[in-house]
């Protein structure tokens, strides 16, 4: 919402906010701005498809939406659904990795970096192509709560970059060469860590080290 208000994302608008549960903060925030809101249980595939069609939805952004989208919705909007995950996928993703559990697992593993990933939604759980990643260091004395807060601050610019690409028709470009945002990280240490991730299927590279700015392919 803020990125649209400030003009960071142009030529688009939010036509509908969908929540799978009552009381979600996003409903209140959107309602205060006059954006149509609706609560649809996660298993109501027909209701969700009808709502999306009635509001002429072109693309879907999942932010804090914990229900698994029905296959019919994923097929209908293939390549046009973006999710934000609070880790550097493919690490700490998949079934059971959500909310504070992700950060607890990061700390238990002892890895020096974590972050957030905006990715295309496919039929798997957190398995779609990465579009934008943001990296943050795991600091001495971190708790799951402090790490969650740091990653949440990083999720916002990561998601904005991905949504902007969706609106501008540049998704294929990011699928082929995802972006990496470095948030006050030691660039050399991050790249050394990234090299080790390649064995797990992740490809993270960077050209320049800047604060919350594009740094090349990820």
C-alpha atoms as a PDB file:
ATOM      1  CA  UNK A   1       0.000   0.000   0.000  1.00  0.00           C
ATOM      2  CA  UNK A   2       2.699   2.471   1.012  1.00  0.00           C
ATOM      3  CA  UNK A   3       4.758   1.790  -2.122  1.00  0.00           C
ATOM      4  CA  UNK A   4       1.742   2.624  -4.287  1.00  0.00           C
ATOM      5  CA  UNK A   5       0.947   5.746  -2.250  1.00  0.00           C
ATOM      6  CA  UNK A   6       4.508   7.059  -2.599  1.00  0.00           C
ATOM      7  CA  UNK A   7       4.681   6.290  -6.316  1.00  0.00           C
ATOM      8  CA  UNK A   8       7.381   3.629  -5.939  1.00  0.00           C
ATOM      9  CA  UNK A   9       4.993   1.250  -7.702  1.00  0.00           C
ATOM     10  CA  UNK A  10       3.132   2.971 -10.521  1.00  0.00           C
ATOM     11  CA  UNK A  11       0.205   2.166 -12.829  1.00  0.00           C
ATOM     12  CA  UNK A  12      -1.465  -0.269 -10.488  1.00  0.00           C
ATOM     13  CA  UNK A  13      -3.852  -0.429  -7.561  1.00  0.00           C
ATOM     14  CA  UNK A  14      -5.179  -2.793  -4.920  1.00  0.00           C
ATOM     15  CA  UNK A  15      -8.609  -4.019  -5.948  1.00  0.00           C
ATOM     16  CA  UNK A  16      -9.261  -6.508  -3.163  1.00  0.00           C
ATOM     17  CA  UNK A  17      -7.881  -7.710   0.169  1.00  0.00           C
ATOM     18  CA  UNK A  18      -8.637 -11.341   1.027  1.00  0.00           C
ATOM     19  CA  UNK A  19      -8.045 -12.889   4.439  1.00  0.00           C
ATOM     20  CA  UNK A  20      -8.651 -16.457   5.516  1.00  0.00           C
ATOM     21  CA  UNK A  21      -9.555 -15.331   9.046  1.00  0.00           C
ATOM     22  CA  UNK A  22     -11.473 -12.579  10.778  1.00  0.00           C
ATOM     23  CA  UNK A  23      -9.566  -9.910  12.672  1.00  0.00           C
ATOM     24  CA  UNK A  24      -6.487  -9.783  10.448  1.00  0.00           C
ATOM     25  CA  UNK A  25      -4.784  -6.384  10.644  1.00  0.00           C
ATOM     26  CA  UNK A  26      -4.660  -6.115   6.872  1.00  0.00           C
ATOM     27  CA  UNK A  27      -8.460  -6.012   6.766  1.00  0.00           C
ATOM     28  CA  UNK A  28      -8.596  -3.051   9.128  1.00  0.00           C
ATOM     29  CA  UNK A  29      -5.839  -1.180   7.337  1.00  0.00           C
ATOM     30  CA  UNK A  30      -7.332  -1.733   3.891  1.00  0.00           C
ATOM     31  CA  UNK A  31     -10.834  -0.928   5.103  1.00  0.00           C
ATOM     32  CA  UNK A  32      -9.639   2.424   6.434  1.00  0.00           C
ATOM     33  CA  UNK A  33      -8.411   3.205   2.918  1.00  0.00           C
ATOM     34  CA  UNK A  34     -11.641   2.211   1.241  1.00  0.00           C
ATOM     35  CA  UNK A  35     -10.226  -0.955  -0.329  1.00  0.00           C
ATOM     36  CA  UNK A  36     -12.764  -3.810  -0.651  1.00  0.00           C
ATOM     37  CA  UNK A  37     -12.114  -6.575   1.892  1.00  0.00           C
ATOM     38  CA  UNK A  38     -13.478 -10.072   2.256  1.00  0.00           C
ATOM     39  CA  UNK A  39     -12.893 -13.088   4.511  1.00  0.00           C
ATOM     40  CA  UNK A  40     -12.845 -16.422   2.698  1.00  0.00           C
ATOM     41  CA  UNK A  41     -11.876 -19.673   4.445  1.00  0.00           C
ATOM     42  CA  UNK A  42      -8.805 -21.241   2.885  1.00  0.00           C
ATOM     43  CA  UNK A  43     -10.733 -24.292   1.671  1.00  0.00           C
ATOM     44  CA  UNK A  44     -13.440 -22.309  -0.143  1.00  0.00           C
ATOM     45  CA  UNK A  45     -11.922 -22.605  -3.613  1.00  0.00           C
ATOM     46  CA  UNK A  46     -15.059 -21.599  -5.474  1.00  0.00           C
ATOM     47  CA  UNK A  47     -15.617 -18.565  -3.260  1.00  0.00           C
ATOM     48  CA  UNK A  48     -12.020 -17.408  -3.719  1.00  0.00           C
ATOM     49  CA  UNK A  49     -12.045 -17.840  -7.498  1.00  0.00           C
ATOM     50  CA  UNK A  50     -15.368 -16.026  -7.777  1.00  0.00           C
ATOM     51  CA  UNK A  51     -14.134 -13.100  -5.662  1.00  0.00           C
ATOM     52  CA  UNK A  52     -10.956 -12.752  -7.705  1.00  0.00           C
ATOM     53  CA  UNK A  53     -12.926 -12.869 -10.964  1.00  0.00           C
ATOM     54  CA  UNK A  54     -15.568 -10.384  -9.790  1.00  0.00           C
ATOM     55  CA  UNK A  55     -12.859  -7.844  -8.931  1.00  0.00           C
ATOM     56  CA  UNK A  56     -10.913  -8.438 -12.186  1.00  0.00           C
ATOM     57  CA  UNK A  57      -7.731  -9.418 -10.375  1.00  0.00           C
ATOM     58  CA  UNK A  58      -4.611  -9.580 -12.564  1.00  0.00           C
ATOM     59  CA  UNK A  59      -2.045 -10.629  -9.971  1.00  0.00           C
ATOM     60  CA  UNK A  60      -1.950 -11.852  -6.366  1.00  0.00           C
ATOM     61  CA  UNK A  61       0.455 -10.943  -3.564  1.00  0.00           C
ATOM     62  CA  UNK A  62       0.537 -13.130  -0.455  1.00  0.00           C
ATOM     63  CA  UNK A  63       1.697 -11.238   2.647  1.00  0.00           C
ATOM     64  CA  UNK A  64       0.970 -12.938   5.938  1.00  0.00           C
ATOM     65  CA  UNK A  65      -1.477 -15.305   4.238  1.00  0.00           C
ATOM     66  CA  UNK A  66      -0.774 -18.672   5.882  1.00  0.00           C
ATOM     67  CA  UNK A  67      -3.405 -20.790   4.128  1.00  0.00           C
ATOM     68  CA  UNK A  68      -2.289 -22.955   1.220  1.00  0.00           C
ATOM     69  CA  UNK A  69      -3.805 -21.698  -2.023  1.00  0.00           C
ATOM     70  CA  UNK A  70      -5.985 -24.259  -3.836  1.00  0.00           C
ATOM     71  CA  UNK A  71      -4.417 -25.748  -7.001  1.00  0.00           C
ATOM     72  CA  UNK A  72      -7.221 -24.266  -9.078  1.00  0.00           C
ATOM     73  CA  UNK A  73      -6.230 -20.737  -8.019  1.00  0.00           C
ATOM     74  CA  UNK A  74      -2.549 -21.382  -8.685  1.00  0.00           C
ATOM     75  CA  UNK A  75      -3.362 -22.719 -12.150  1.00  0.00           C
ATOM     76  CA  UNK A  76      -5.660 -19.793 -12.974  1.00  0.00           C
ATOM     77  CA  UNK A  77      -3.037 -17.222 -11.967  1.00  0.00           C
ATOM     78  CA  UNK A  78       0.080 -19.160 -12.900  1.00  0.00           C
ATOM     79  CA  UNK A  79       3.170 -16.960 -12.810  1.00  0.00           C
ATOM     80  CA  UNK A  80       1.191 -14.074 -11.318  1.00  0.00           C
ATOM     81  CA  UNK A  81       1.208 -15.007  -7.624  1.00  0.00           C
ATOM     82  CA  UNK A  82       4.008 -13.749  -5.370  1.00  0.00           C
ATOM     83  CA  UNK A  83       4.716 -14.861  -1.805  1.00  0.00           C
ATOM     84  CA  UNK A  84       7.161 -13.488   0.761  1.00  0.00           C
ATOM     85  CA  UNK A  85       8.979 -16.009   2.980  1.00  0.00           C
ATOM     86  CA  UNK A  86      11.133 -15.019   6.008  1.00  0.00           C
ATOM     87  CA  UNK A  87      14.263 -16.972   5.075  1.00  0.00           C
ATOM     88  CA  UNK A  88      16.796 -17.374   2.277  1.00  0.00           C
ATOM     89  CA  UNK A  89      15.041 -20.069   0.275  1.00  0.00           C
ATOM     90  CA  UNK A  90      15.553 -22.920  -0.373  1.00  0.00           C
ATOM     91  CA  UNK A  91      16.769 -22.997   3.247  1.00  0.00           C
ATOM     92  CA  UNK A  92      14.168 -23.062   6.017  1.00  0.00           C
ATOM     93  CA  UNK A  93      11.231 -23.377   3.671  1.00  0.00           C
ATOM     94  CA  UNK A  94       8.493 -25.913   3.116  1.00  0.00           C
ATOM     95  CA  UNK A  95       5.958 -27.577   5.371  1.00  0.00           C
ATOM     96  CA  UNK A  96       6.155 -26.435   8.989  1.00  0.00           C
ATOM     97  CA  UNK A  97       8.376 -23.420   8.323  1.00  0.00           C
ATOM     98  CA  UNK A  98       6.247 -20.365   9.021  1.00  0.00           C
ATOM     99  CA  UNK A  99       6.158 -17.474  11.465  1.00  0.00           C
ATOM    100  CA  UNK A 100       8.456 -17.628  14.481  1.00  0.00           C
ATOM    101  CA  UNK A 101       9.266 -21.285  13.727  1.00  0.00           C
ATOM    102  CA  UNK A 102      11.446 -20.190  10.806  1.00  0.00           C
ATOM    103  CA  UNK A 103      13.627 -18.009  13.012  1.00  0.00           C
ATOM    104  CA  UNK A 104      13.846 -20.625  15.741  1.00  0.00           C
ATOM    105  CA  UNK A 105      15.150 -23.078  13.152  1.00  0.00           C
ATOM    106  CA  UNK A 106      17.657 -20.529  11.828  1.00  0.00           C
ATOM    107  CA  UNK A 107      19.100 -19.957  15.301  1.00  0.00           C
ATOM    108  CA  UNK A 108      19.184 -23.679  16.080  1.00  0.00           C
ATOM    109  CA  UNK A 109      21.125 -24.340  12.873  1.00  0.00           C
ATOM    110  CA  UNK A 110      23.896 -21.863  13.661  1.00  0.00           C
ATOM    111  CA  UNK A 111      23.955 -20.290  10.174  1.00  0.00           C
ATOM    112  CA  UNK A 112      25.524 -16.784  10.062  1.00  0.00           C
ATOM    113  CA  UNK A 113      22.969 -15.259   7.670  1.00  0.00           C
ATOM    114  CA  UNK A 114      19.258 -15.326   7.093  1.00  0.00           C
ATOM    115  CA  UNK A 115      16.844 -13.075   5.250  1.00  0.00           C
ATOM    116  CA  UNK A 116      13.683 -13.010   3.174  1.00  0.00           C
ATOM    117  CA  UNK A 117      12.698 -14.304  -0.255  1.00  0.00           C
ATOM    118  CA  UNK A 118       9.958 -13.128  -2.600  1.00  0.00           C
ATOM    119  CA  UNK A 119       9.096 -15.975  -4.950  1.00  0.00           C
ATOM    120  CA  UNK A 120       6.561 -17.181  -7.478  1.00  0.00           C
ATOM    121  CA  UNK A 121       3.936 -19.481  -5.979  1.00  0.00           C
ATOM    122  CA  UNK A 122       3.688 -22.900  -7.576  1.00  0.00           C
ATOM    123  CA  UNK A 123       2.087 -26.196  -6.576  1.00  0.00           C
ATOM    124  CA  UNK A 124       4.704 -26.852  -3.875  1.00  0.00           C
ATOM    125  CA  UNK A 125       5.334 -25.115  -0.546  1.00  0.00           C
ATOM    126  CA  UNK A 126       7.990 -22.398  -0.929  1.00  0.00           C
ATOM    127  CA  UNK A 127       9.327 -24.129  -4.044  1.00  0.00           C
ATOM    128  CA  UNK A 128       8.547 -21.510  -6.705  1.00  0.00           C
ATOM    129  CA  UNK A 129      11.237 -19.532  -8.505  1.00  0.00           C
ATOM    130  CA  UNK A 130      12.931 -16.886  -6.356  1.00  0.00           C
ATOM    131  CA  UNK A 131      12.595 -13.298  -7.587  1.00  0.00           C
ATOM    132  CA  UNK A 132      14.225 -11.169  -4.896  1.00  0.00           C
ATOM    133  CA  UNK A 133      16.191 -12.155  -1.799  1.00  0.00           C
ATOM    134  CA  UNK A 134      17.282  -9.936   1.055  1.00  0.00           C
ATOM    135  CA  UNK A 135      20.089 -10.970   3.383  1.00  0.00           C
ATOM    136  CA  UNK A 136      20.642 -10.047   7.031  1.00  0.00           C
ATOM    137  CA  UNK A 137      23.270 -11.235   9.482  1.00  0.00           C
ATOM    138  CA  UNK A 138      22.417 -13.382  12.470  1.00  0.00           C
ATOM    139  CA  UNK A 139      23.901 -11.451  15.383  1.00  0.00           C
ATOM    140  CA  UNK A 140      25.335 -12.712  18.691  1.00  0.00           C
ATOM    141  CA  UNK A 141      22.625 -12.730  21.323  1.00  0.00           C
ATOM    142  CA  UNK A 142      19.801 -12.860  18.792  1.00  0.00           C
ATOM    143  CA  UNK A 143      16.534 -14.394  19.898  1.00  0.00           C
ATOM    144  CA  UNK A 144      13.901 -15.703  17.534  1.00  0.00           C
ATOM    145  CA  UNK A 145      11.908 -12.548  18.241  1.00  0.00           C
ATOM    146  CA  UNK A 146      14.750 -10.113  17.545  1.00  0.00           C
ATOM    147  CA  UNK A 147      15.648 -11.981  14.379  1.00  0.00           C
ATOM    148  CA  UNK A 148      12.025 -11.985  13.261  1.00  0.00           C
ATOM    149  CA  UNK A 149      11.871  -8.219  13.700  1.00  0.00           C
ATOM    150  CA  UNK A 150      15.056  -7.650  11.672  1.00  0.00           C
ATOM    151  CA  UNK A 151      13.884  -9.914   8.859  1.00  0.00           C
ATOM    152  CA  UNK A 152      10.434  -8.292   8.810  1.00  0.00           C
ATOM    153  CA  UNK A 153      12.056  -4.918   8.140  1.00  0.00           C
ATOM    154  CA  UNK A 154      13.838  -6.551   5.208  1.00  0.00           C
ATOM    155  CA  UNK A 155      10.695  -8.221   3.857  1.00  0.00           C
ATOM    156  CA  UNK A 156       9.165  -4.884   2.901  1.00  0.00           C
ATOM    157  CA  UNK A 157      11.783  -3.728   0.328  1.00  0.00           C
ATOM    158  CA  UNK A 158      12.125  -7.307  -0.959  1.00  0.00           C
ATOM    159  CA  UNK A 159       8.402  -7.610  -1.601  1.00  0.00           C
ATOM    160  CA  UNK A 160       8.165  -4.148  -3.172  1.00  0.00           C
ATOM    161  CA  UNK A 161      10.909  -5.030  -5.673  1.00  0.00           C
ATOM    162  CA  UNK A 162       9.077  -8.220  -6.640  1.00  0.00           C
ATOM    163  CA  UNK A 163       5.653  -6.597  -6.939  1.00  0.00           C
ATOM    164  CA  UNK A 164       7.118  -3.774  -9.008  1.00  0.00           C
ATOM    165  CA  UNK A 165       8.555  -6.348 -11.416  1.00  0.00           C
ATOM    166  CA  UNK A 166       5.163  -8.087 -11.636  1.00  0.00           C
ATOM    167  CA  UNK A 167       3.403  -4.823 -12.465  1.00  0.00           C
ATOM    168  CA  UNK A 168       6.047  -3.850 -15.025  1.00  0.00           C
ATOM    169  CA  UNK A 169       6.071  -7.255 -16.727  1.00  0.00           C
ATOM    170  CA  UNK A 170       9.633  -8.106 -15.653  1.00  0.00           C
ATOM    171  CA  UNK A 171       8.973 -11.365 -13.811  1.00  0.00           C
ATOM    172  CA  UNK A 172      10.815 -13.482 -16.385  1.00  0.00           C
ATOM    173  CA  UNK A 173      13.828 -11.215 -16.027  1.00  0.00           C
ATOM    174  CA  UNK A 174      13.958 -11.815 -12.258  1.00  0.00           C
ATOM    175  CA  UNK A 175      13.350 -15.540 -12.596  1.00  0.00           C
ATOM    176  CA  UNK A 176      16.440 -15.710 -14.792  1.00  0.00           C
ATOM    177  CA  UNK A 177      18.494 -13.381 -12.583  1.00  0.00           C
ATOM    178  CA  UNK A 178      16.996 -12.806  -9.121  1.00  0.00           C
ATOM    179  CA  UNK A 179      18.007  -9.744  -7.131  1.00  0.00           C
ATOM    180  CA  UNK A 180      19.883  -9.791  -3.836  1.00  0.00           C
ATOM    181  CA  UNK A 181      19.514  -6.972  -1.314  1.00  0.00           C
ATOM    182  CA  UNK A 182      22.224  -6.714   1.338  1.00  0.00           C
ATOM    183  CA  UNK A 183      21.119  -5.169   4.623  1.00  0.00           C
ATOM    184  CA  UNK A 184      24.168  -3.987   6.600  1.00  0.00           C
ATOM    185  CA  UNK A 185      25.948  -7.279   5.954  1.00  0.00           C
ATOM    186  CA  UNK A 186      29.617  -8.058   5.522  1.00  0.00           C
ATOM    187  CA  UNK A 187      29.633  -8.491   1.724  1.00  0.00           C
ATOM    188  CA  UNK A 188      32.638 -10.821   1.548  1.00  0.00           C
ATOM    189  CA  UNK A 189      31.353 -13.001   4.373  1.00  0.00           C
ATOM    190  CA  UNK A 190      27.931 -13.156   2.721  1.00  0.00           C
ATOM    191  CA  UNK A 191      29.359 -14.203  -0.640  1.00  0.00           C
ATOM    192  CA  UNK A 192      31.494 -16.874   1.019  1.00  0.00           C
ATOM    193  CA  UNK A 193      28.372 -18.191   2.728  1.00  0.00           C
ATOM    194  CA  UNK A 194      26.432 -18.002  -0.521  1.00  0.00           C
ATOM    195  CA  UNK A 195      29.046 -20.122  -2.284  1.00  0.00           C
ATOM    196  CA  UNK A 196      28.377 -22.900   0.209  1.00  0.00           C
ATOM    197  CA  UNK A 197      24.638 -22.670  -0.398  1.00  0.00           C
ATOM    198  CA  UNK A 198      25.090 -23.654  -4.033  1.00  0.00           C
ATOM    199  CA  UNK A 199      25.409 -27.270  -2.917  1.00  0.00           C
ATOM    200  CA  UNK A 200      21.853 -26.992  -1.546  1.00  0.00           C
ATOM    201  CA  UNK A 201      20.420 -25.570  -4.743  1.00  0.00           C
ATOM    202  CA  UNK A 202      20.609 -21.860  -3.910  1.00  0.00           C
ATOM    203  CA  UNK A 203      22.415 -19.431  -6.188  1.00  0.00           C
ATOM    204  CA  UNK A 204      23.371 -16.168  -4.464  1.00  0.00           C
ATOM    205  CA  UNK A 205      25.810 -13.681  -5.997  1.00  0.00           C
ATOM    206  CA  UNK A 206      26.292  -9.951  -5.627  1.00  0.00           C
ATOM    207  CA  UNK A 207      28.084  -7.247  -7.583  1.00  0.00           C
ATOM    208  CA  UNK A 208      28.100  -4.314  -5.164  1.00  0.00           C
ATOM    209  CA  UNK A 209      27.512  -3.990  -1.432  1.00  0.00           C
ATOM    210  CA  UNK A 210      24.961  -1.338  -0.571  1.00  0.00           C
ATOM    211  CA  UNK A 211      22.377  -0.837   2.119  1.00  0.00           C
ATOM    212  CA  UNK A 212      18.993  -2.190   1.024  1.00  0.00           C
ATOM    213  CA  UNK A 213      19.812  -1.692  -2.674  1.00  0.00           C
ATOM    214  CA  UNK A 214      20.025  -4.027  -5.656  1.00  0.00           C
ATOM    215  CA  UNK A 215      23.313  -5.896  -5.695  1.00  0.00           C
ATOM    216  CA  UNK A 216      23.041  -7.974  -8.820  1.00  0.00           C
ATOM    217  CA  UNK A 217      21.900 -11.547  -9.309  1.00  0.00           C
ATOM    218  CA  UNK A 218      20.869 -13.707  -6.433  1.00  0.00           C
END
